[in-house]
Amino acid sequence: MPTRAGRVDAAVLRPSRAQQRIEIGRSEPGEELAGLVDYFWWVRWDAPEPHEQEVVPRPVVHVCAERVGSTPRLLVHGVHPRMFRRRLEGAGHTVAAGFRPAGFRPVLRGDVSALEGREVPAGELLGLDDRPVAEEVLACERPEDGAAVLGRWLASLPREDDPLVAPLAALVERAEHDTSLVRAEQLAELAGVSLRTLQRRFRSHVGIGPKWVVQRFRLLDVVAAAHGDEEVDWAGLAAQLGYADQSHLIRAFTQLVGHPPAHYARER
């Protein structure tokens, strides 16, 4: 099974094609953000011809410095429930913070599920002008310096203490790593609460339900396997990841990616 970094990388579909046009980097947050932000990331692209990059979303809220038209803005990306495409043209870059699951709740101080599938300027959500810091982030010659600027700005924001953040983040991260977790009921049992209570907490803090979270991580395991160099036993993988049989795995993967996993593995 893939490592955590492998699952994050698996979110970028058709990576060999993407590597011809985009460059991705990451850095770790400082101590002041370690409990809330998982990592900083940046993307540079050079696409003389338009390039559509497909991404499989994870249960993560991102704050991204990017240009909206010609204006630098910080956009808050809620959890996207379905695969999404980003059209890249010309040359450019973006710098962003990927929050831990539930980690954006103390900054938002509101229901994270209101952001599901949306991209909202940080200024609208937080009642401030996000354009100066976005401009400073994107003006940095080195993207890691831009990530440091974004980190200092995020650390300066007021936030509320929330005792649910740490246990929910740990629970989601457990679901990401533990391939034996295949149902939301298992997460509720681990949390020691009813499924209904867990569903309510996931919606308000993570931004999407626990069933989606478990299913998405197991599908990312399938994507990561398809990205590997070895021949995949799809029936064995289906059994290992809790699918009723191989056909159920194929159906779920096809609904997400648009092709059966074996076809995708050959294509990529």
C-alpha atoms as a PDB file:
ATOM      1  CA  MET A   1       0.000   0.000   0.000  1.00  0.00           C
ATOM      2  CA  PRO A   2       1.214   3.548  -0.694  1.00  0.00           C
ATOM      3  CA  THR A   3       2.644   5.887   1.921  1.00  0.00           C
ATOM      4  CA  ARG A   4       0.874   9.094   2.927  1.00  0.00           C
ATOM      5  CA  ALA A   5       2.961  11.052   0.405  1.00  0.00           C
ATOM      6  CA  GLY A   6       2.040   8.470  -2.214  1.00  0.00           C
ATOM      7  CA  ARG A   7      -1.653   9.006  -1.533  1.00  0.00           C
ATOM      8  CA  VAL A   8      -1.247  12.775  -1.820  1.00  0.00           C
ATOM      9  CA  ASP A   9       0.611  12.329  -5.115  1.00  0.00           C
ATOM     10  CA  ALA A  10      -2.075   9.925  -6.332  1.00  0.00           C
ATOM     11  CA  ALA A  11      -4.539  12.808  -6.261  1.00  0.00           C
ATOM     12  CA  VAL A  12      -2.860  14.165  -9.423  1.00  0.00           C
ATOM     13  CA  LEU A  13      -4.167  12.029 -12.265  1.00  0.00           C
ATOM     14  CA  ARG A  14      -2.009  11.018 -15.236  1.00  0.00           C
ATOM     15  CA  PRO A  15       1.179  12.195 -13.495  1.00  0.00           C
ATOM     16  CA  SER A  16       3.553  11.415 -16.372  1.00  0.00           C
ATOM     17  CA  ARG A  17       1.579  13.772 -18.604  1.00  0.00           C
ATOM     18  CA  ALA A  18       1.409  16.397 -15.859  1.00  0.00           C
ATOM     19  CA  GLN A  19       5.176  16.304 -15.301  1.00  0.00           C
ATOM     20  CA  GLN A  20       5.698  17.570 -18.833  1.00  0.00           C
ATOM     21  CA  ARG A  21       3.870  20.787 -18.011  1.00  0.00           C
ATOM     22  CA  ILE A  22       3.799  21.382 -14.264  1.00  0.00           C
ATOM     23  CA  GLU A  23       6.210  21.316 -11.342  1.00  0.00           C
ATOM     24  CA  ILE A  24       4.924  20.586  -7.831  1.00  0.00           C
ATOM     25  CA  GLY A  25       6.726  21.279  -4.552  1.00  0.00           C
ATOM     26  CA  ARG A  26       5.921  21.088  -0.839  1.00  0.00           C
ATOM     27  CA  SER A  27       7.202  22.357   2.488  1.00  0.00           C
ATOM     28  CA  GLU A  28       6.291  21.704   6.116  1.00  0.00           C
ATOM     29  CA  PRO A  29       4.478  24.237   8.337  1.00  0.00           C
ATOM     30  CA  GLY A  30       6.131  25.903  11.310  1.00  0.00           C
ATOM     31  CA  GLU A  31       5.288  24.995  14.883  1.00  0.00           C
ATOM     32  CA  GLU A  32       2.692  27.763  15.171  1.00  0.00           C
ATOM     33  CA  LEU A  33       0.580  26.072  12.460  1.00  0.00           C
ATOM     34  CA  ALA A  34       1.559  22.425  12.906  1.00  0.00           C
ATOM     35  CA  GLY A  35      -1.757  21.434  14.482  1.00  0.00           C
ATOM     36  CA  LEU A  36      -3.833  23.061  11.734  1.00  0.00           C
ATOM     37  CA  VAL A  37      -1.868  23.024   8.472  1.00  0.00           C
ATOM     38  CA  ASP A  38      -0.665  19.723   7.039  1.00  0.00           C
ATOM     39  CA  TYR A  39       1.685  21.112   4.391  1.00  0.00           C
ATOM     40  CA  PHE A  40       2.312  24.010   2.026  1.00  0.00           C
ATOM     41  CA  TRP A  41       2.427  23.312  -1.687  1.00  0.00           C
ATOM     42  CA  TRP A  42       3.020  25.155  -4.913  1.00  0.00           C
ATOM     43  CA  VAL A  43       2.585  24.515  -8.594  1.00  0.00           C
ATOM     44  CA  ARG A  44       4.436  26.136 -11.481  1.00  0.00           C
ATOM     45  CA  TRP A  45       3.224  25.542 -15.016  1.00  0.00           C
ATOM     46  CA  ASP A  46       4.354  26.279 -18.527  1.00  0.00           C
ATOM     47  CA  ALA A  47       1.655  25.292 -20.997  1.00  0.00           C
ATOM     48  CA  PRO A  48       2.078  26.772 -24.485  1.00  0.00           C
ATOM     49  CA  GLU A  49      -1.024  24.774 -25.342  1.00  0.00           C
ATOM     50  CA  PRO A  50      -3.919  24.684 -22.842  1.00  0.00           C
ATOM     51  CA  HIS A  51      -3.578  21.807 -20.377  1.00  0.00           C
ATOM     52  CA  GLU A  52      -6.433  20.404 -18.299  1.00  0.00           C
ATOM     53  CA  GLN A  53      -5.187  18.812 -15.095  1.00  0.00           C
ATOM     54  CA  GLU A  54      -7.526  16.382 -13.346  1.00  0.00           C
ATOM     55  CA  VAL A  55      -7.334  16.133  -9.561  1.00  0.00           C
ATOM     56  CA  VAL A  56      -8.972  13.705  -7.147  1.00  0.00           C
ATOM     57  CA  PRO A  57      -9.940  15.770  -4.071  1.00  0.00           C
ATOM     58  CA  ARG A  58      -9.100  14.685  -0.541  1.00  0.00           C
ATOM     59  CA  PRO A  59     -10.972  15.812   2.636  1.00  0.00           C
ATOM     60  CA  VAL A  60      -8.804  18.914   2.860  1.00  0.00           C
ATOM     61  CA  VAL A  61      -9.471  22.676   2.758  1.00  0.00           C
ATOM     62  CA  HIS A  62      -6.870  24.681   0.842  1.00  0.00           C
ATOM     63  CA  VAL A  63      -6.042  28.382   0.974  1.00  0.00           C
ATOM     64  CA  CYS A  64      -4.458  29.275  -2.364  1.00  0.00           C
ATOM     65  CA  ALA A  65      -2.726  32.409  -3.588  1.00  0.00           C
ATOM     66  CA  GLU A  66      -3.633  32.674  -7.257  1.00  0.00           C
ATOM     67  CA  ARG A  67      -4.628  35.208  -9.855  1.00  0.00           C
ATOM     68  CA  VAL A  68      -8.306  35.831 -10.480  1.00  0.00           C
ATOM     69  CA  GLY A  69      -8.086  37.561 -13.842  1.00  0.00           C
ATOM     70  CA  SER A  70      -5.153  39.866 -13.232  1.00  0.00           C
ATOM     71  CA  THR A  71      -5.800  40.321  -9.498  1.00  0.00           C
ATOM     72  CA  PRO A  72      -3.917  38.266  -6.888  1.00  0.00           C
ATOM     73  CA  ARG A  73      -6.343  36.756  -4.377  1.00  0.00           C
ATOM     74  CA  LEU A  74      -6.365  34.197  -1.601  1.00  0.00           C
ATOM     75  CA  LEU A  75      -9.075  31.681  -2.424  1.00  0.00           C
ATOM     76  CA  VAL A  76     -10.405  29.181   0.100  1.00  0.00           C
ATOM     77  CA  HIS A  77     -11.136  25.874  -1.626  1.00  0.00           C
ATOM     78  CA  GLY A  78     -13.641  23.733   0.241  1.00  0.00           C
ATOM     79  CA  VAL A  79     -13.712  19.963  -0.139  1.00  0.00           C
ATOM     80  CA  HIS A  80     -14.725  19.104  -3.705  1.00  0.00           C
ATOM     81  CA  PRO A  81     -17.020  16.062  -3.634  1.00  0.00           C
ATOM     82  CA  ARG A  82     -16.090  14.991  -7.178  1.00  0.00           C
ATOM     83  CA  MET A  83     -13.011  14.984  -9.353  1.00  0.00           C
ATOM     84  CA  PHE A  84     -12.318  18.440 -10.718  1.00  0.00           C
ATOM     85  CA  ARG A  85     -10.318  19.868 -13.603  1.00  0.00           C
ATOM     86  CA  ARG A  86      -8.038  22.893 -13.616  1.00  0.00           C
ATOM     87  CA  ARG A  87      -7.311  24.519 -16.972  1.00  0.00           C
ATOM     88  CA  LEU A  88      -3.758  25.854 -17.227  1.00  0.00           C
ATOM     89  CA  GLU A  89      -2.589  28.189 -19.968  1.00  0.00           C
ATOM     90  CA  GLY A  90       0.664  30.042 -20.530  1.00  0.00           C
ATOM     91  CA  ALA A  91       3.065  30.293 -17.603  1.00  0.00           C
ATOM     92  CA  GLY A  92       2.148  30.887 -13.985  1.00  0.00           C
ATOM     93  CA  HIS A  93       2.205  29.567 -10.470  1.00  0.00           C
ATOM     94  CA  THR A  94       0.161  29.235  -7.316  1.00  0.00           C
ATOM     95  CA  VAL A  95       1.150  28.790  -3.659  1.00  0.00           C
ATOM     96  CA  ALA A  96      -1.169  27.241  -1.103  1.00  0.00           C
ATOM     97  CA  ALA A  97      -1.684  25.792   2.360  1.00  0.00           C
ATOM     98  CA  GLY A  98      -3.326  22.401   2.705  1.00  0.00           C
ATOM     99  CA  PHE A  99      -5.031  22.241   6.102  1.00  0.00           C
ATOM    100  CA  ARG A 100      -5.300  19.120   8.200  1.00  0.00           C
ATOM    101  CA  PRO A 101      -8.790  17.622   8.169  1.00  0.00           C
ATOM    102  CA  ALA A 102     -10.905  19.827  10.497  1.00  0.00           C
ATOM    103  CA  GLY A 103      -7.958  22.245  10.752  1.00  0.00           C
ATOM    104  CA  PHE A 104      -9.699  25.121   8.999  1.00  0.00           C
ATOM    105  CA  ARG A 105     -12.616  25.143  11.443  1.00  0.00           C
ATOM    106  CA  PRO A 106     -10.823  27.292  14.113  1.00  0.00           C
ATOM    107  CA  VAL A 107      -9.937  29.883  11.454  1.00  0.00           C
ATOM    108  CA  LEU A 108     -13.366  29.902   9.816  1.00  0.00           C
ATOM    109  CA  ARG A 109     -15.198  29.763  13.153  1.00  0.00           C
ATOM    110  CA  GLY A 110     -18.183  28.353  11.320  1.00  0.00           C
ATOM    111  CA  ASP A 111     -19.584  25.308   9.551  1.00  0.00           C
ATOM    112  CA  VAL A 112     -16.954  24.003   7.104  1.00  0.00           C
ATOM    113  CA  SER A 113     -19.588  22.121   5.077  1.00  0.00           C
ATOM    114  CA  ALA A 114     -20.791  25.521   3.794  1.00  0.00           C
ATOM    115  CA  LEU A 115     -17.631  25.503   1.642  1.00  0.00           C
ATOM    116  CA  GLU A 116     -18.275  22.124  -0.010  1.00  0.00           C
ATOM    117  CA  GLY A 117     -17.477  22.337  -3.715  1.00  0.00           C
ATOM    118  CA  ARG A 118     -16.846  26.097  -3.518  1.00  0.00           C
ATOM    119  CA  GLU A 119     -13.911  28.466  -4.025  1.00  0.00           C
ATOM    120  CA  VAL A 120     -14.426  31.625  -1.993  1.00  0.00           C
ATOM    121  CA  PRO A 121     -12.119  34.662  -1.545  1.00  0.00           C
ATOM    122  CA  ALA A 122     -10.671  34.618   1.959  1.00  0.00           C
ATOM    123  CA  GLY A 123     -11.720  38.235   2.374  1.00  0.00           C
ATOM    124  CA  GLU A 124     -15.389  37.295   2.061  1.00  0.00           C
ATOM    125  CA  LEU A 125     -15.090  34.576   4.697  1.00  0.00           C
ATOM    126  CA  LEU A 126     -12.799  36.287   7.184  1.00  0.00           C
ATOM    127  CA  GLY A 127     -13.756  39.945   6.807  1.00  0.00           C
ATOM    128  CA  LEU A 128     -10.381  41.265   5.634  1.00  0.00           C
ATOM    129  CA  ASP A 129      -8.545  42.281   2.482  1.00  0.00           C
ATOM    130  CA  ASP A 130      -6.660  39.229   1.186  1.00  0.00           C
ATOM    131  CA  ARG A 131      -5.203  40.950  -1.903  1.00  0.00           C
ATOM    132  CA  PRO A 132      -2.024  42.463  -0.362  1.00  0.00           C
ATOM    133  CA  VAL A 133      -0.806  39.165   1.096  1.00  0.00           C
ATOM    134  CA  ALA A 134      -1.747  37.292  -2.090  1.00  0.00           C
ATOM    135  CA  GLU A 135       0.287  39.773  -4.114  1.00  0.00           C
ATOM    136  CA  GLU A 136       3.249  39.398  -1.742  1.00  0.00           C
ATOM    137  CA  VAL A 137       3.089  35.600  -1.886  1.00  0.00           C
ATOM    138  CA  LEU A 138       2.997  35.484  -5.674  1.00  0.00           C
ATOM    139  CA  ALA A 139       5.738  38.119  -6.007  1.00  0.00           C
ATOM    140  CA  CYS A 140       8.294  35.883  -4.269  1.00  0.00           C
ATOM    141  CA  GLU A 141      10.812  34.494  -6.725  1.00  0.00           C
ATOM    142  CA  ARG A 142      11.083  31.230  -4.796  1.00  0.00           C
ATOM    143  CA  PRO A 143       7.733  29.532  -4.101  1.00  0.00           C
ATOM    144  CA  GLU A 144       8.955  28.283  -0.721  1.00  0.00           C
ATOM    145  CA  ASP A 145       9.458  31.915   0.282  1.00  0.00           C
ATOM    146  CA  GLY A 146       5.903  32.612  -0.796  1.00  0.00           C
ATOM    147  CA  ALA A 147       4.766  29.685   1.359  1.00  0.00           C
ATOM    148  CA  ALA A 148       6.580  31.246   4.330  1.00  0.00           C
ATOM    149  CA  VAL A 149       4.763  34.557   3.728  1.00  0.00           C
ATOM    150  CA  LEU A 150       1.430  32.726   3.561  1.00  0.00           C
ATOM    151  CA  GLY A 151       2.291  30.823   6.738  1.00  0.00           C
ATOM    152  CA  ARG A 152       3.025  33.995   8.684  1.00  0.00           C
ATOM    153  CA  TRP A 153      -0.251  35.505   7.534  1.00  0.00           C
ATOM    154  CA  LEU A 154      -2.244  32.421   8.511  1.00  0.00           C
ATOM    155  CA  ALA A 155      -0.534  32.304  11.908  1.00  0.00           C
ATOM    156  CA  SER A 156      -1.566  35.921  12.547  1.00  0.00           C
ATOM    157  CA  LEU A 157      -5.279  35.242  12.032  1.00  0.00           C
ATOM    158  CA  PRO A 158      -7.553  35.050  15.056  1.00  0.00           C
ATOM    159  CA  ARG A 159      -8.853  31.567  15.717  1.00  0.00           C
ATOM    160  CA  GLU A 160     -10.881  29.819  18.337  1.00  0.00           C
ATOM    161  CA  ASP A 161      -9.898  26.796  20.388  1.00  0.00           C
ATOM    162  CA  ASP A 162     -11.929  23.750  19.438  1.00  0.00           C
ATOM    163  CA  PRO A 163     -11.409  20.465  21.296  1.00  0.00           C
ATOM    164  CA  LEU A 164     -12.855  18.441  18.404  1.00  0.00           C
ATOM    165  CA  VAL A 165     -10.190  19.447  15.874  1.00  0.00           C
ATOM    166  CA  ALA A 166      -7.320  17.221  17.060  1.00  0.00           C
ATOM    167  CA  PRO A 167      -9.337  13.995  17.508  1.00  0.00           C
ATOM    168  CA  LEU A 168     -11.192  14.458  14.218  1.00  0.00           C
ATOM    169  CA  ALA A 169      -7.956  15.160  12.345  1.00  0.00           C
ATOM    170  CA  ALA A 170      -6.386  12.056  13.878  1.00  0.00           C
ATOM    171  CA  LEU A 171      -9.448   9.982  12.963  1.00  0.00           C
ATOM    172  CA  VAL A 172      -9.398  11.083   9.319  1.00  0.00           C
ATOM    173  CA  GLU A 173      -5.653  10.491   9.119  1.00  0.00           C
ATOM    174  CA  ARG A 174      -6.195   7.023  10.597  1.00  0.00           C
ATOM    175  CA  ALA A 175      -8.723   6.352   7.831  1.00  0.00           C
ATOM    176  CA  GLU A 176      -6.184   7.486   5.255  1.00  0.00           C
ATOM    177  CA  HIS A 177      -3.507   5.040   6.419  1.00  0.00           C
ATOM    178  CA  ASP A 178      -5.520   2.057   7.654  1.00  0.00           C
ATOM    179  CA  THR A 179      -6.814   0.162   4.628  1.00  0.00           C
ATOM    180  CA  SER A 180      -8.929  -2.064   6.874  1.00  0.00           C
ATOM    181  CA  LEU A 181     -11.233   0.916   7.496  1.00  0.00           C
ATOM    182  CA  VAL A 182     -13.845   0.651   4.761  1.00  0.00           C
ATOM    183  CA  ARG A 183     -17.079   1.840   6.423  1.00  0.00           C
ATOM    184  CA  ALA A 184     -18.137   4.958   8.287  1.00  0.00           C
ATOM    185  CA  GLU A 185     -19.467   2.776  11.106  1.00  0.00           C
ATOM    186  CA  GLN A 186     -15.909   1.667  11.851  1.00  0.00           C
ATOM    187  CA  LEU A 187     -14.852   5.289  12.309  1.00  0.00           C
ATOM    188  CA  ALA A 188     -17.787   5.920  14.640  1.00  0.00           C
ATOM    189  CA  GLU A 189     -16.763   2.908  16.717  1.00  0.00           C
ATOM    190  CA  LEU A 190     -13.186   4.180  16.931  1.00  0.00           C
ATOM    191  CA  ALA A 191     -14.453   7.623  17.955  1.00  0.00           C
ATOM    192  CA  GLY A 192     -16.762   6.127  20.581  1.00  0.00           C
ATOM    193  CA  VAL A 193     -19.829   7.969  19.270  1.00  0.00           C
ATOM    194  CA  SER A 194     -22.924   7.124  17.272  1.00  0.00           C
ATOM    195  CA  LEU A 195     -22.760   7.271  13.481  1.00  0.00           C
ATOM    196  CA  ARG A 196     -25.187  10.202  13.483  1.00  0.00           C
ATOM    197  CA  THR A 197     -22.978  12.165  15.886  1.00  0.00           C
ATOM    198  CA  LEU A 198     -19.911  11.420  13.766  1.00  0.00           C
ATOM    199  CA  GLN A 199     -21.725  12.506  10.609  1.00  0.00           C
ATOM    200  CA  ARG A 200     -22.657  15.806  12.247  1.00  0.00           C
ATOM    201  CA  ARG A 201     -19.093  16.429  13.445  1.00  0.00           C
ATOM    202  CA  PHE A 202     -17.570  15.565  10.081  1.00  0.00           C
ATOM    203  CA  ARG A 203     -19.929  17.900   8.251  1.00  0.00           C
ATOM    204  CA  SER A 204     -19.296  20.820  10.593  1.00  0.00           C
ATOM    205  CA  HIS A 205     -15.522  20.381  10.993  1.00  0.00           C
ATOM    206  CA  VAL A 206     -14.119  18.330   8.091  1.00  0.00           C
ATOM    207  CA  GLY A 207     -16.593  19.699   5.566  1.00  0.00           C
ATOM    208  CA  ILE A 208     -17.945  16.399   4.233  1.00  0.00           C
ATOM    209  CA  GLY A 209     -19.345  13.139   5.615  1.00  0.00           C
ATOM    210  CA  PRO A 210     -17.380  10.156   6.982  1.00  0.00           C
ATOM    211  CA  LYS A 211     -18.696   7.730   4.348  1.00  0.00           C
ATOM    212  CA  TRP A 212     -17.255   9.935   1.595  1.00  0.00           C
ATOM    213  CA  VAL A 213     -13.947  10.192   3.470  1.00  0.00           C
ATOM    214  CA  VAL A 214     -13.491   6.428   3.809  1.00  0.00           C
ATOM    215  CA  GLN A 215     -14.530   5.713   0.227  1.00  0.00           C
ATOM    216  CA  ARG A 216     -12.285   8.435  -1.165  1.00  0.00           C
ATOM    217  CA  PHE A 217      -9.191   7.183   0.627  1.00  0.00           C
ATOM    218  CA  ARG A 218      -9.751   3.648  -0.587  1.00  0.00           C
ATOM    219  CA  LEU A 219     -10.190   4.932  -4.140  1.00  0.00           C
ATOM    220  CA  LEU A 220      -6.951   6.883  -3.786  1.00  0.00           C
ATOM    221  CA  ASP A 221      -5.331   3.589  -2.823  1.00  0.00           C
ATOM    222  CA  VAL A 222      -6.596   2.190  -6.133  1.00  0.00           C
ATOM    223  CA  VAL A 223      -5.243   5.202  -8.046  1.00  0.00           C
ATOM    224  CA  ALA A 224      -1.870   4.831  -6.325  1.00  0.00           C
ATOM    225  CA  ALA A 225      -1.767   1.155  -7.327  1.00  0.00           C
ATOM    226  CA  ALA A 226      -2.566   2.101 -10.923  1.00  0.00           C
ATOM    227  CA  HIS A 227       0.340   4.579 -10.844  1.00  0.00           C
ATOM    228  CA  GLY A 228       2.786   1.861  -9.793  1.00  0.00           C
ATOM    229  CA  ASP A 229       5.143  -0.061 -12.049  1.00  0.00           C
ATOM    230  CA  GLU A 230       3.977  -3.536 -11.055  1.00  0.00           C
ATOM    231  CA  GLU A 231       1.112  -5.552 -12.455  1.00  0.00           C
ATOM    232  CA  VAL A 232      -1.946  -5.157 -10.209  1.00  0.00           C
ATOM    233  CA  ASP A 233      -4.184  -8.006  -9.052  1.00  0.00           C
ATOM    234  CA  TRP A 234      -7.409  -6.005  -9.182  1.00  0.00           C
ATOM    235  CA  ALA A 235      -9.531  -8.757  -7.634  1.00  0.00           C
ATOM    236  CA  GLY A 236      -7.084  -9.111  -4.748  1.00  0.00           C
ATOM    237  CA  LEU A 237      -6.923  -5.345  -4.297  1.00  0.00           C
ATOM    238  CA  ALA A 238     -10.716  -5.150  -4.251  1.00  0.00           C
ATOM    239  CA  ALA A 239     -10.853  -7.716  -1.448  1.00  0.00           C
ATOM    240  CA  GLN A 240      -8.102  -5.959   0.489  1.00  0.00           C
ATOM    241  CA  LEU A 241      -9.860  -2.573   0.285  1.00  0.00           C
ATOM    242  CA  GLY A 242     -13.292  -3.822   1.333  1.00  0.00           C
ATOM    243  CA  TYR A 243     -15.099  -3.896  -2.013  1.00  0.00           C
ATOM    244  CA  ALA A 244     -17.684  -6.637  -2.420  1.00  0.00           C
ATOM    245  CA  ASP A 245     -15.863  -7.847  -5.533  1.00  0.00           C
ATOM    246  CA  GLN A 246     -13.749  -6.614  -8.417  1.00  0.00           C
ATOM    247  CA  SER A 247     -16.743  -5.286 -10.342  1.00  0.00           C
ATOM    248  CA  HIS A 248     -17.644  -2.954  -7.460  1.00  0.00           C
ATOM    249  CA  LEU A 249     -14.106  -1.566  -7.425  1.00  0.00           C
ATOM    250  CA  ILE A 250     -14.184  -1.070 -11.194  1.00  0.00           C
ATOM    251  CA  ARG A 251     -17.549   0.671 -11.034  1.00  0.00           C
ATOM    252  CA  ALA A 252     -16.482   3.072  -8.268  1.00  0.00           C
ATOM    253  CA  PHE A 253     -13.168   3.885  -9.973  1.00  0.00           C
ATOM    254  CA  THR A 254     -14.839   4.442 -13.343  1.00  0.00           C
ATOM    255  CA  GLN A 255     -17.406   6.811 -11.833  1.00  0.00           C
ATOM    256  CA  LEU A 256     -14.567   8.884 -10.377  1.00  0.00           C
ATOM    257  CA  VAL A 257     -11.913   8.807 -13.106  1.00  0.00           C
ATOM    258  CA  GLY A 258     -13.909   8.018 -16.234  1.00  0.00           C
ATOM    259  CA  HIS A 259     -12.100   4.761 -17.107  1.00  0.00           C
ATOM    260  CA  PRO A 260     -11.744   1.332 -15.475  1.00  0.00           C
ATOM    261  CA  PRO A 261      -8.552   1.061 -13.398  1.00  0.00           C
ATOM    262  CA  ALA A 262      -6.762  -1.355 -15.764  1.00  0.00           C
ATOM    263  CA  HIS A 263      -7.501   0.945 -18.727  1.00  0.00           C
ATOM    264  CA  TYR A 264      -6.281   3.962 -16.747  1.00  0.00           C
ATOM    265  CA  ALA A 265      -3.086   2.145 -15.733  1.00  0.00           C
ATOM    266  CA  ARG A 266      -2.311   1.314 -19.367  1.00  0.00           C
ATOM    267  CA  GLU A 267      -3.209   4.810 -20.568  1.00  0.00           C
ATOM    268  CA  ARG A 268      -1.113   6.672 -18.030  1.00  0.00           C
END
